Amino acid sequence: MPEVTIQIGGRGFEVSCQDGEEVFLQAAAKMLDDEAQVLSDQIGRMPEARMLLMAGLLLADKTAATEDKVKSLEAKLADVEAELNTLRYAPAPEPERIEVAVVPPSVTDTLAELAARAEALAAVVEEKKA
């Protein structure tokens, strides 16, 4: 078992851990040291047992708040997943009926005839102008 020296509140502690867990131990010690540093800055020097207790309590408070947030987000996620499943397995909506106006051929023919007359009148006007 490796022995690791961790620094908390400016004090060194020898701690044993499993092989390969040194990095995790150092990360946990860093979190505890950060809390101890906050305490040290606010309160000043205190016995190590009290410092470790207070820093541990601060971390426990943060952990409890994080757990509450995780539970809340898990509940939200469950609601969203339930809604998603409801929508996923809902029957498909009825297809929309869209009506497109159809112009009868007689109207098209009449419009073409009117356009031809207008062009003929325009040609007559152009001739008289010239």
N, C-alpha and C. Protein backbone atom coordinates (compact mmCIF):
# COMPACT_ATOMS: atom_id res chain seq x y z
N MET A 1 0.83 -1.18 0.00
CA MET A 1 0.00 0.00 0.00
C MET A 1 0.88 1.25 0.00
N PRO A 2 0.67 2.11 -0.96
CA PRO A 2 1.49 3.32 -1.00
C PRO A 2 1.14 4.29 0.13
N GLU A 3 2.15 4.96 0.61
CA GLU A 3 1.98 6.03 1.60
C GLU A 3 2.05 7.35 0.85
N VAL A 4 1.09 8.22 1.11
CA VAL A 4 1.02 9.51 0.44
C VAL A 4 0.99 10.59 1.51
N THR A 5 1.76 11.64 1.30
CA THR A 5 1.72 12.78 2.21
C THR A 5 0.80 13.82 1.59
N ILE A 6 -0.22 14.17 2.36
CA ILE A 6 -1.15 15.20 1.88
C ILE A 6 -1.01 16.43 2.77
N GLN A 7 -1.30 17.59 2.20
CA GLN A 7 -1.22 18.84 2.94
C GLN A 7 -2.63 19.38 3.13
N ILE A 8 -2.99 19.60 4.40
CA ILE A 8 -4.29 20.17 4.70
C ILE A 8 -4.08 21.26 5.75
N GLY A 9 -4.48 22.45 5.39
CA GLY A 9 -4.34 23.57 6.32
C GLY A 9 -2.90 23.86 6.69
N GLY A 10 -1.99 23.61 5.76
CA GLY A 10 -0.58 23.87 6.01
C GLY A 10 0.09 22.79 6.85
N ARG A 11 -0.61 21.71 7.10
CA ARG A 11 -0.04 20.62 7.89
C ARG A 11 0.04 19.36 7.03
N GLY A 12 1.09 18.59 7.22
CA GLY A 12 1.27 17.36 6.45
C GLY A 12 0.72 16.16 7.19
N PHE A 13 0.10 15.25 6.43
CA PHE A 13 -0.46 14.03 6.99
C PHE A 13 -0.04 12.86 6.11
N GLU A 14 0.42 11.78 6.74
CA GLU A 14 0.77 10.55 6.02
C GLU A 14 -0.48 9.69 5.95
N VAL A 15 -0.85 9.29 4.72
CA VAL A 15 -2.07 8.50 4.52
C VAL A 15 -1.74 7.33 3.60
N SER A 16 -2.31 6.17 3.91
CA SER A 16 -2.16 5.00 3.05
C SER A 16 -3.36 4.91 2.13
N CYS A 17 -3.12 4.35 0.95
CA CYS A 17 -4.22 4.16 0.00
C CYS A 17 -3.92 2.94 -0.86
N GLN A 18 -4.91 2.49 -1.62
CA GLN A 18 -4.73 1.37 -2.52
C GLN A 18 -3.88 1.80 -3.72
N ASP A 19 -3.23 0.83 -4.35
CA ASP A 19 -2.45 1.13 -5.55
C ASP A 19 -3.35 1.75 -6.61
N GLY A 20 -2.87 2.82 -7.21
CA GLY A 20 -3.61 3.49 -8.28
C GLY A 20 -4.59 4.54 -7.79
N GLU A 21 -4.81 4.64 -6.48
CA GLU A 21 -5.76 5.61 -5.95
C GLU A 21 -5.09 6.90 -5.47
N GLU A 22 -3.80 7.01 -5.72
CA GLU A 22 -3.07 8.18 -5.24
C GLU A 22 -3.64 9.48 -5.80
N VAL A 23 -3.97 9.48 -7.07
CA VAL A 23 -4.49 10.70 -7.71
C VAL A 23 -5.82 11.11 -7.09
N PHE A 24 -6.68 10.12 -6.83
CA PHE A 24 -7.97 10.42 -6.23
C PHE A 24 -7.81 10.94 -4.80
N LEU A 25 -6.86 10.35 -4.07
CA LEU A 25 -6.59 10.80 -2.71
C LEU A 25 -6.08 12.24 -2.72
N GLN A 26 -5.18 12.55 -3.64
CA GLN A 26 -4.66 13.92 -3.74
C GLN A 26 -5.79 14.91 -4.08
N ALA A 27 -6.71 14.50 -4.96
CA ALA A 27 -7.84 15.38 -5.33
C ALA A 27 -8.75 15.61 -4.13
N ALA A 28 -9.04 14.56 -3.37
CA ALA A 28 -9.88 14.69 -2.18
C ALA A 28 -9.18 15.57 -1.13
N ALA A 29 -7.88 15.35 -0.97
CA ALA A 29 -7.12 16.16 -0.01
C ALA A 29 -7.12 17.63 -0.43
N LYS A 30 -7.05 17.90 -1.73
CA LYS A 30 -7.08 19.28 -2.23
C LYS A 30 -8.42 19.94 -1.88
N MET A 31 -9.52 19.19 -2.03
CA MET A 31 -10.83 19.75 -1.67
C MET A 31 -10.88 20.08 -0.18
N LEU A 32 -10.40 19.16 0.64
CA LEU A 32 -10.39 19.38 2.09
C LEU A 32 -9.47 20.54 2.45
N ASP A 33 -8.32 20.62 1.79
CA ASP A 33 -7.37 21.71 2.04
C ASP A 33 -7.98 23.06 1.66
N ASP A 34 -8.72 23.10 0.54
CA ASP A 34 -9.36 24.36 0.14
C ASP A 34 -10.33 24.84 1.22
N GLU A 35 -11.12 23.92 1.77
CA GLU A 35 -12.05 24.29 2.84
C GLU A 35 -11.29 24.71 4.10
N ALA A 36 -10.23 23.99 4.43
CA ALA A 36 -9.43 24.34 5.60
C ALA A 36 -8.80 25.71 5.42
N GLN A 37 -8.39 26.04 4.21
CA GLN A 37 -7.78 27.35 3.93
C GLN A 37 -8.80 28.47 4.14
N VAL A 38 -10.03 28.23 3.71
CA VAL A 38 -11.10 29.23 3.93
C VAL A 38 -11.29 29.44 5.43
N LEU A 39 -11.35 28.35 6.18
CA LEU A 39 -11.50 28.46 7.64
C LEU A 39 -10.32 29.21 8.26
N SER A 40 -9.13 28.85 7.83
CA SER A 40 -7.92 29.47 8.37
C SER A 40 -7.93 30.97 8.08
N ASP A 41 -8.36 31.35 6.87
CA ASP A 41 -8.41 32.77 6.51
C ASP A 41 -9.45 33.52 7.35
N GLN A 42 -10.57 32.86 7.67
CA GLN A 42 -11.65 33.52 8.40
C GLN A 42 -11.42 33.52 9.91
N ILE A 43 -10.97 32.38 10.43
CA ILE A 43 -10.89 32.21 11.89
C ILE A 43 -9.46 32.34 12.41
N GLY A 44 -8.52 31.96 11.62
CA GLY A 44 -7.13 31.95 12.07
C GLY A 44 -6.72 30.56 12.49
N ARG A 45 -5.64 30.47 13.20
CA ARG A 45 -5.07 29.18 13.61
C ARG A 45 -6.01 28.50 14.60
N MET A 46 -6.19 27.17 14.42
CA MET A 46 -7.02 26.39 15.35
C MET A 46 -6.44 24.99 15.44
N PRO A 47 -6.84 24.24 16.46
CA PRO A 47 -6.33 22.86 16.58
C PRO A 47 -6.69 22.05 15.33
N GLU A 48 -5.78 21.13 14.96
CA GLU A 48 -6.00 20.40 13.71
C GLU A 48 -7.28 19.57 13.72
N ALA A 49 -7.64 19.00 14.86
CA ALA A 49 -8.87 18.20 14.93
C ALA A 49 -10.08 19.06 14.62
N ARG A 50 -10.10 20.27 15.18
CA ARG A 50 -11.23 21.19 14.94
C ARG A 50 -11.23 21.64 13.48
N MET A 51 -10.03 21.95 12.96
CA MET A 51 -9.93 22.40 11.57
C MET A 51 -10.44 21.31 10.63
N LEU A 52 -10.02 20.06 10.86
CA LEU A 52 -10.45 18.96 10.01
C LEU A 52 -11.96 18.72 10.15
N LEU A 53 -12.47 18.82 11.38
CA LEU A 53 -13.90 18.64 11.59
C LEU A 53 -14.70 19.70 10.84
N MET A 54 -14.31 20.96 11.00
CA MET A 54 -15.03 22.06 10.35
C MET A 54 -14.93 21.96 8.82
N ALA A 55 -13.75 21.65 8.31
CA ALA A 55 -13.58 21.52 6.86
C ALA A 55 -14.41 20.35 6.34
N GLY A 56 -14.43 19.25 7.08
CA GLY A 56 -15.25 18.10 6.70
C GLY A 56 -16.74 18.44 6.70
N LEU A 57 -17.17 19.20 7.70
CA LEU A 57 -18.57 19.61 7.75
C LEU A 57 -18.94 20.52 6.58
N LEU A 58 -18.04 21.42 6.22
CA LEU A 58 -18.30 22.28 5.06
C LEU A 58 -18.42 21.46 3.79
N LEU A 59 -17.54 20.48 3.61
CA LEU A 59 -17.63 19.60 2.44
C LEU A 59 -18.90 18.77 2.47
N ALA A 60 -19.28 18.30 3.65
CA ALA A 60 -20.51 17.51 3.77
C ALA A 60 -21.73 18.36 3.40
N ASP A 61 -21.72 19.64 3.80
CA ASP A 61 -22.81 20.54 3.46
C ASP A 61 -22.89 20.74 1.94
N LYS A 62 -21.74 20.95 1.32
CA LYS A 62 -21.73 21.10 -0.14
C LYS A 62 -22.20 19.81 -0.82
N THR A 63 -21.78 18.68 -0.27
CA THR A 63 -22.18 17.40 -0.85
C THR A 63 -23.69 17.20 -0.72
N ALA A 64 -24.26 17.54 0.43
CA ALA A 64 -25.70 17.40 0.64
C ALA A 64 -26.46 18.29 -0.34
N ALA A 65 -25.99 19.52 -0.54
CA ALA A 65 -26.64 20.42 -1.50
C ALA A 65 -26.55 19.86 -2.91
N THR A 66 -25.40 19.30 -3.25
CA THR A 66 -25.24 18.70 -4.58
C THR A 66 -26.16 17.50 -4.74
N GLU A 67 -26.28 16.68 -3.71
CA GLU A 67 -27.17 15.51 -3.77
C GLU A 67 -28.62 15.95 -3.95
N ASP A 68 -29.03 17.01 -3.24
CA ASP A 68 -30.40 17.54 -3.41
C ASP A 68 -30.62 18.00 -4.84
N LYS A 69 -29.64 18.67 -5.39
CA LYS A 69 -29.75 19.16 -6.77
C LYS A 69 -29.83 17.99 -7.74
N VAL A 70 -29.02 16.96 -7.51
CA VAL A 70 -29.03 15.78 -8.37
C VAL A 70 -30.41 15.11 -8.30
N LYS A 71 -30.97 14.97 -7.10
CA LYS A 71 -32.30 14.36 -6.96
C LYS A 71 -33.35 15.17 -7.71
N SER A 72 -33.27 16.49 -7.59
CA SER A 72 -34.22 17.35 -8.30
C SER A 72 -34.08 17.20 -9.81
N LEU A 73 -32.85 17.17 -10.29
CA LEU A 73 -32.62 17.01 -11.73
C LEU A 73 -33.04 15.62 -12.22
N GLU A 74 -32.85 14.60 -11.38
CA GLU A 74 -33.29 13.26 -11.75
C GLU A 74 -34.81 13.20 -11.86
N ALA A 75 -35.50 13.90 -10.95
CA ALA A 75 -36.97 13.95 -11.01
C ALA A 75 -37.42 14.65 -12.28
N LYS A 76 -36.76 15.77 -12.61
CA LYS A 76 -37.09 16.49 -13.85
C LYS A 76 -36.84 15.60 -15.06
N LEU A 77 -35.72 14.91 -15.04
CA LEU A 77 -35.38 14.02 -16.15
C LEU A 77 -36.43 12.92 -16.30
N ALA A 78 -36.88 12.36 -15.20
CA ALA A 78 -37.90 11.31 -15.25
C ALA A 78 -39.19 11.87 -15.86
N ASP A 79 -39.56 13.11 -15.48
CA ASP A 79 -40.76 13.73 -16.06
C ASP A 79 -40.61 13.93 -17.56
N VAL A 80 -39.46 14.42 -17.97
CA VAL A 80 -39.22 14.66 -19.39
C VAL A 80 -39.21 13.34 -20.17
N GLU A 81 -38.60 12.31 -19.60
CA GLU A 81 -38.58 11.00 -20.26
C GLU A 81 -39.98 10.43 -20.38
N ALA A 82 -40.81 10.62 -19.34
CA ALA A 82 -42.19 10.14 -19.39
C ALA A 82 -42.96 10.87 -20.49
N GLU A 83 -42.77 12.19 -20.57
CA GLU A 83 -43.44 12.97 -21.62
C GLU A 83 -42.95 12.53 -23.00
N LEU A 84 -41.66 12.30 -23.11
CA LEU A 84 -41.09 11.85 -24.39
C LEU A 84 -41.69 10.51 -24.80
N ASN A 85 -41.79 9.59 -23.86
CA ASN A 85 -42.38 8.28 -24.17
C ASN A 85 -43.85 8.42 -24.55
N THR A 86 -44.57 9.32 -23.88
CA THR A 86 -45.96 9.56 -24.22
C THR A 86 -46.07 10.04 -25.66
N LEU A 87 -45.22 10.99 -26.02
CA LEU A 87 -45.24 11.52 -27.38
C LEU A 87 -44.75 10.48 -28.39
N ARG A 88 -43.77 9.70 -28.01
CA ARG A 88 -43.19 8.71 -28.92
C ARG A 88 -44.21 7.64 -29.28
N TYR A 89 -45.03 7.22 -28.31
CA TYR A 89 -45.96 6.13 -28.55
C TYR A 89 -47.38 6.61 -28.81
N ALA A 90 -47.57 7.90 -28.94
CA ALA A 90 -48.89 8.44 -29.27
C ALA A 90 -49.19 8.12 -30.72
N PRO A 91 -50.48 7.93 -31.04
CA PRO A 91 -50.81 7.65 -32.44
C PRO A 91 -50.46 8.85 -33.32
N ALA A 92 -50.14 8.53 -34.56
CA ALA A 92 -49.78 9.59 -35.49
C ALA A 92 -51.01 10.47 -35.76
N PRO A 93 -50.80 11.75 -35.91
CA PRO A 93 -51.94 12.64 -36.18
C PRO A 93 -52.53 12.35 -37.55
N GLU A 94 -53.81 12.68 -37.68
CA GLU A 94 -54.47 12.52 -38.98
C GLU A 94 -53.78 13.42 -39.99
N PRO A 95 -53.62 12.93 -41.23
CA PRO A 95 -53.01 13.79 -42.23
C PRO A 95 -53.90 15.01 -42.50
N GLU A 96 -53.26 16.12 -42.74
CA GLU A 96 -53.99 17.36 -43.03
C GLU A 96 -54.52 17.32 -44.45
N ARG A 97 -55.74 17.79 -44.58
CA ARG A 97 -56.34 17.85 -45.91
C ARG A 97 -56.11 19.26 -46.44
N ILE A 98 -55.44 19.34 -47.57
CA ILE A 98 -55.16 20.64 -48.18
C ILE A 98 -55.84 20.68 -49.54
N GLU A 99 -56.65 21.69 -49.73
CA GLU A 99 -57.34 21.83 -51.01
C GLU A 99 -56.63 22.88 -51.84
N VAL A 100 -56.37 22.53 -53.07
CA VAL A 100 -55.70 23.44 -53.99
C VAL A 100 -56.72 23.87 -55.04
N ALA A 101 -56.83 25.16 -55.23
CA ALA A 101 -57.79 25.66 -56.22
C ALA A 101 -57.31 25.28 -57.62
N VAL A 102 -58.25 24.82 -58.42
CA VAL A 102 -57.95 24.45 -59.80
C VAL A 102 -58.64 25.46 -60.70
N VAL A 103 -57.87 26.06 -61.59
CA VAL A 103 -58.43 27.04 -62.53
C VAL A 103 -58.99 26.25 -63.72
N PRO A 104 -60.29 26.42 -63.98
CA PRO A 104 -60.88 25.70 -65.10
C PRO A 104 -60.26 26.14 -66.42
N PRO A 105 -60.18 25.24 -67.40
CA PRO A 105 -59.59 25.58 -68.70
C PRO A 105 -60.30 26.75 -69.39
N SER A 106 -61.60 26.89 -69.19
CA SER A 106 -62.33 27.98 -69.86
C SER A 106 -61.83 29.34 -69.36
N VAL A 107 -61.49 29.44 -68.08
CA VAL A 107 -60.97 30.70 -67.54
C VAL A 107 -59.60 30.97 -68.14
N THR A 108 -58.75 29.95 -68.23
CA THR A 108 -57.43 30.10 -68.81
C THR A 108 -57.53 30.56 -70.26
N ASP A 109 -58.46 29.95 -71.02
CA ASP A 109 -58.66 30.34 -72.42
C ASP A 109 -59.12 31.78 -72.53
N THR A 110 -60.05 32.18 -71.65
CA THR A 110 -60.57 33.55 -71.67
C THR A 110 -59.46 34.54 -71.36
N LEU A 111 -58.63 34.22 -70.39
CA LEU A 111 -57.52 35.12 -70.04
C LEU A 111 -56.53 35.23 -71.20
N ALA A 112 -56.26 34.13 -71.87
CA ALA A 112 -55.35 34.15 -73.02
C ALA A 112 -55.93 35.02 -74.13
N GLU A 113 -57.24 34.92 -74.34
CA GLU A 113 -57.90 35.72 -75.37
C GLU A 113 -57.84 37.20 -75.02
N LEU A 114 -58.05 37.54 -73.74
CA LEU A 114 -57.97 38.94 -73.30
C LEU A 114 -56.55 39.48 -73.47
N ALA A 115 -55.56 38.65 -73.17
CA ALA A 115 -54.17 39.08 -73.33
C ALA A 115 -53.86 39.34 -74.79
N ALA A 116 -54.36 38.48 -75.68
CA ALA A 116 -54.12 38.67 -77.12
C ALA A 116 -54.77 39.96 -77.59
N ARG A 117 -55.99 40.25 -77.15
CA ARG A 117 -56.67 41.49 -77.53
C ARG A 117 -55.90 42.72 -77.04
N ALA A 118 -55.41 42.63 -75.80
CA ALA A 118 -54.66 43.76 -75.24
C ALA A 118 -53.39 44.00 -76.04
N GLU A 119 -52.70 42.93 -76.44
CA GLU A 119 -51.50 43.08 -77.25
C GLU A 119 -51.83 43.68 -78.62
N ALA A 120 -52.96 43.26 -79.19
CA ALA A 120 -53.37 43.81 -80.49
C ALA A 120 -53.68 45.30 -80.37
N LEU A 121 -54.36 45.69 -79.29
CA LEU A 121 -54.66 47.12 -79.08
C LEU A 121 -53.37 47.90 -78.86
N ALA A 122 -52.45 47.33 -78.16
CA ALA A 122 -51.17 48.02 -77.92
C ALA A 122 -50.43 48.20 -79.24
N ALA A 123 -50.50 47.20 -80.12
CA ALA A 123 -49.83 47.32 -81.43
C ALA A 123 -50.48 48.42 -82.25
N VAL A 124 -51.82 48.53 -82.21
CA VAL A 124 -52.53 49.57 -82.95
C VAL A 124 -52.13 50.94 -82.42
N VAL A 125 -52.03 51.07 -81.13
CA VAL A 125 -51.66 52.36 -80.52
C VAL A 125 -50.24 52.71 -80.92
N GLU A 126 -49.37 51.77 -80.97
CA GLU A 126 -47.97 52.00 -81.36
C GLU A 126 -47.90 52.45 -82.82
N GLU A 127 -48.72 51.84 -83.68
CA GLU A 127 -48.72 52.22 -85.11
C GLU A 127 -49.19 53.65 -85.29
N LYS A 128 -50.25 54.03 -84.58
CA LYS A 128 -50.81 55.38 -84.70
C LYS A 128 -49.84 56.41 -84.14
N LYS A 129 -49.09 56.02 -83.18
CA LYS A 129 -48.11 56.91 -82.55
C LYS A 129 -46.95 57.17 -83.53
N ALA A 130 -46.58 56.19 -84.28
CA ALA A 130 -45.44 56.29 -85.17
C ALA A 130 -45.78 56.97 -86.42
